[in-house]
C-alpha cells in the first residue's frame, strides 16, 4: 500500500455527502485510523498528512484559472 492511496481514500470519504458535521468528520478520521492500523500499515500514518497536502496542492492547481 502507498500512503497516497490512503490519503485519496480519506479525501473521498470526507468529500462525500455523508460527512457533514464536525462530529461525523472526527468519527470518519477515527475509523480511518483504525482501518489503517488493522491492516498493519501504521508506518504510513506519518506519511499521510504530506500526501493530503499534495492532494490539496494538486486540486488547487487543477482548479486555478490563469487570465
Protein backbone atom coordinates (compact mmCIF):
# COMPACT_ATOMS: atom_id res chain seq x y z
CA UNK A 1 0.00 0.00 0.00
CA UNK A 2 1.02 3.53 -0.61
CA UNK A 3 0.32 6.47 1.66
CA UNK A 4 -1.16 8.33 -1.30
CA UNK A 5 -3.81 5.63 -1.73
CA UNK A 6 -4.91 6.01 1.86
CA UNK A 7 -4.85 9.80 1.55
CA UNK A 8 -7.03 9.65 -1.57
CA UNK A 9 -9.48 7.36 0.21
CA UNK A 10 -9.69 9.71 3.17
CA UNK A 11 -10.27 12.73 0.94
CA UNK A 12 -13.03 10.92 -0.94
CA UNK A 13 -14.67 9.85 2.31
CA UNK A 14 -14.59 13.38 3.68
CA UNK A 15 -15.83 14.96 0.44
CA UNK A 16 -18.75 12.58 0.09
CA UNK A 17 -22.16 13.88 1.04
CA UNK A 18 -22.36 11.52 4.01
CA UNK A 19 -19.96 13.52 6.20
CA UNK A 20 -21.36 16.90 7.19
CA UNK A 21 -20.82 17.78 10.84
CA UNK A 22 -17.60 18.08 12.83
CA UNK A 23 -18.65 15.03 14.82
CA UNK A 24 -19.01 12.96 11.64
CA UNK A 25 -15.65 14.19 10.36
CA UNK A 26 -13.95 13.19 13.61
CA UNK A 27 -15.66 9.78 13.52
CA UNK A 28 -14.58 9.24 9.90
CA UNK A 29 -10.96 10.10 10.71
CA UNK A 30 -11.01 7.85 13.78
CA UNK A 31 -12.41 4.97 11.72
CA UNK A 32 -9.80 5.63 9.03
CA UNK A 33 -7.05 5.42 11.67
CA UNK A 34 -8.48 2.12 12.93
CA UNK A 35 -8.61 0.64 9.43
CA UNK A 36 -5.03 1.61 8.63
CA UNK A 37 -3.82 0.08 11.91
CA UNK A 38 -5.90 -3.07 11.42
CA UNK A 39 -4.29 -3.60 8.03
CA UNK A 40 -0.84 -3.32 9.60
CA UNK A 41 0.09 -0.09 7.84
CA UNK A 42 0.68 2.08 10.90
CA UNK A 43 4.00 3.20 9.46
CA UNK A 44 2.13 5.01 6.71
CA UNK A 45 0.19 7.16 9.17
CA UNK A 46 3.08 9.60 9.48
CA UNK A 47 3.26 9.97 5.67
CA UNK A 48 -0.43 10.51 5.03
CA UNK A 49 -0.54 14.20 6.12
CA UNK A 50 2.09 15.06 3.49
CA UNK A 51 0.09 13.19 0.86
CA UNK A 52 -3.00 15.14 1.90
CA UNK A 53 -1.04 18.37 1.33
CA UNK A 54 -0.04 17.16 -2.14
CA UNK A 55 -3.64 16.34 -2.98
CA UNK A 56 -4.73 19.81 -1.83
CA UNK A 57 -1.97 21.44 -3.92
CA UNK A 58 -2.94 19.36 -6.95
CA UNK A 59 -6.62 20.22 -6.58
CA UNK A 60 -5.81 23.91 -6.16
CA UNK A 61 -3.60 23.91 -9.26
CA UNK A 62 -6.23 21.97 -11.19
CA UNK A 63 -8.98 24.43 -10.29
CA UNK A 64 -6.88 27.57 -10.76
CA UNK A 65 -7.61 29.73 -13.77
CA UNK A 66 -4.99 31.98 -15.31
CA UNK A 67 -6.14 35.08 -17.16
